[in-house]
Amino acid sequence: MHASREKVPLVAAGDGFESRMEEWGDLVVSFETVPAGTDSAPLFKGLPGESCQCPHWGYIFKGKMIVRYGDSEETITAGQAYYMPPGHVPLFVEETEVVEFSPRAEKEATIEAVRKNLESDS
């Protein structure tokens, strides 16, 4: 199985953000572009630790993000692969483009919480 960014379905876009996702068996592949200065913390309100509970494996093509954990943080930059275990909150320092692989069930649960938070902010 393979796909280019342009062939993966667009599921969300706006204000410089773009998310393309497709299920590959028990995984979800996501191509995402996130604007500089985006703090994802408000999206995870109500989840344990107010953080994303879905693990992600990915690669940054462009940009820089700081991933915050309960008592630590790490900076990930273009050209680096990463693993984010459950309990993370990304802050996108620069416009960032990634490809990410996530377990489908955990990703769906996180997306549902994010949608509720976006709806309550509208």
Protein backbone atom coordinates (compact mmCIF):
# COMPACT_ATOMS: atom_id res chain seq x y z
CA MET A 1 0.00 0.00 0.00
CA HIS A 2 1.29 3.49 -0.81
CA ALA A 3 0.01 7.01 -1.44
CA SER A 4 1.24 10.48 -2.20
CA ARG A 5 0.01 13.46 -0.19
CA GLU A 6 -2.20 14.59 -3.08
CA LYS A 7 -3.94 11.19 -3.29
CA VAL A 8 -4.89 10.99 0.42
CA PRO A 9 -8.38 12.46 1.06
CA LEU A 10 -8.58 15.97 2.49
CA VAL A 11 -10.55 15.83 5.77
CA ALA A 12 -10.00 19.32 7.21
CA ALA A 13 -8.60 22.64 6.04
CA GLY A 14 -8.64 26.29 7.02
CA ASP A 15 -6.46 29.14 8.28
CA GLY A 16 -3.29 27.49 6.95
CA PHE A 17 -4.14 24.08 8.44
CA GLU A 18 -4.59 21.04 6.23
CA SER A 19 -5.20 17.42 7.21
CA ARG A 20 -5.34 14.50 4.82
CA MET A 21 -6.11 11.06 6.28
CA GLU A 22 -6.64 7.54 5.08
CA GLU A 23 -7.06 4.24 6.92
CA TRP A 24 -4.52 1.55 6.18
CA GLY A 25 -5.74 -1.51 8.07
CA ASP A 26 -5.45 -0.74 11.78
CA LEU A 27 -3.44 2.43 11.12
CA VAL A 28 -4.30 5.92 9.95
CA VAL A 29 -1.80 7.71 7.72
CA SER A 30 -2.02 11.51 7.98
CA PHE A 31 -0.36 14.23 5.97
CA GLU A 32 -0.72 17.49 7.88
CA THR A 33 0.33 21.09 7.47
CA VAL A 34 0.07 23.22 10.63
CA PRO A 35 0.63 27.00 10.80
CA ALA A 36 3.39 28.54 12.89
CA GLY A 37 2.31 29.41 16.42
CA THR A 38 -0.38 26.72 16.66
CA ASP A 39 -0.72 25.42 20.21
CA SER A 40 -2.72 22.20 20.22
CA ALA A 41 -3.41 22.31 24.00
CA PRO A 42 -7.01 23.64 23.67
CA LEU A 43 -7.88 20.72 21.38
CA PHE A 44 -7.21 18.14 24.10
CA LYS A 45 -9.36 19.62 26.88
CA GLY A 46 -11.22 16.87 28.67
CA LEU A 47 -8.79 14.11 27.75
CA PRO A 48 -6.63 12.55 30.50
CA GLY A 49 -3.86 14.98 31.41
CA GLU A 50 -5.38 17.48 28.96
CA SER A 51 -3.11 15.83 26.37
CA CYS A 52 -3.33 13.67 23.26
CA GLN A 53 -3.77 10.02 24.19
CA CYS A 54 -2.94 8.60 20.75
CA PRO A 55 0.61 7.46 19.95
CA HIS A 56 2.08 8.75 16.67
CA TRP A 57 5.05 7.77 14.55
CA GLY A 58 6.04 10.35 11.96
CA TYR A 59 8.49 12.42 9.98
CA ILE A 60 8.79 16.21 9.66
CA PHE A 61 9.36 17.39 6.10
CA LYS A 62 9.35 21.08 6.99
CA GLY A 63 9.19 23.11 10.20
CA LYS A 64 9.69 22.72 13.91
CA MET A 65 7.55 21.66 16.84
CA ILE A 66 8.00 21.41 20.58
CA VAL A 67 6.29 18.40 22.09
CA ARG A 68 5.35 18.87 25.73
CA TYR A 69 4.90 15.98 28.13
CA GLY A 70 3.84 16.23 31.77
CA ASP A 71 7.31 17.09 33.09
CA SER A 72 9.48 17.43 29.98
CA GLU A 73 9.56 18.59 26.39
CA GLU A 74 11.47 17.87 23.22
CA THR A 75 12.06 19.80 20.01
CA ILE A 76 11.61 18.02 16.69
CA THR A 77 12.73 19.66 13.44
CA ALA A 78 12.61 19.09 9.69
CA GLY A 79 14.42 15.96 8.62
CA GLN A 80 13.71 14.08 11.85
CA ALA A 81 11.55 11.03 12.47
CA TYR A 82 9.67 10.86 15.75
CA TYR A 83 7.56 8.83 18.12
CA MET A 84 5.11 10.60 20.44
CA PRO A 85 3.66 8.33 23.13
CA PRO A 86 0.27 9.09 24.70
CA GLY A 87 0.33 12.16 26.95
CA HIS A 88 1.77 14.75 24.54
CA VAL A 89 0.82 18.30 23.53
CA PRO A 90 2.52 19.74 20.41
CA LEU A 91 3.32 23.42 19.90
CA PHE A 92 4.16 24.27 16.29
CA VAL A 93 6.93 26.87 16.36
CA GLU A 94 7.19 27.12 12.57
CA GLU A 95 4.82 26.14 9.77
CA THR A 96 5.18 22.37 9.91
CA GLU A 97 4.51 19.60 7.40
CA VAL A 98 4.45 16.00 8.61
CA VAL A 99 3.44 12.49 7.68
CA GLU A 100 2.19 10.54 10.67
CA PHE A 101 1.07 6.98 11.38
CA SER A 102 -1.33 6.30 14.27
CA PRO A 103 -3.40 3.38 15.56
CA ARG A 104 -6.91 3.78 14.15
CA ALA A 105 -8.93 3.28 17.37
CA GLU A 106 -6.87 5.77 19.40
CA LYS A 107 -6.84 8.29 16.55
CA GLU A 108 -10.64 8.11 16.18
CA ALA A 109 -11.15 8.67 19.94
CA THR A 110 -8.83 11.67 19.88
CA ILE A 111 -10.50 13.15 16.78
CA GLU A 112 -13.87 12.88 18.50
CA ALA A 113 -12.60 14.84 21.53
CA VAL A 114 -10.97 17.44 19.26
CA ARG A 115 -14.22 17.91 17.30
CA LYS A 116 -16.15 18.50 20.53
CA ASN A 117 -13.63 21.11 21.64
CA LEU A 118 -13.73 22.86 18.26
CA GLU A 119 -17.55 22.90 18.34
CA SER A 120 -17.62 24.35 21.85
CA ASP A 121 -15.21 27.12 20.76
CA SER A 122 -17.42 28.10 17.80
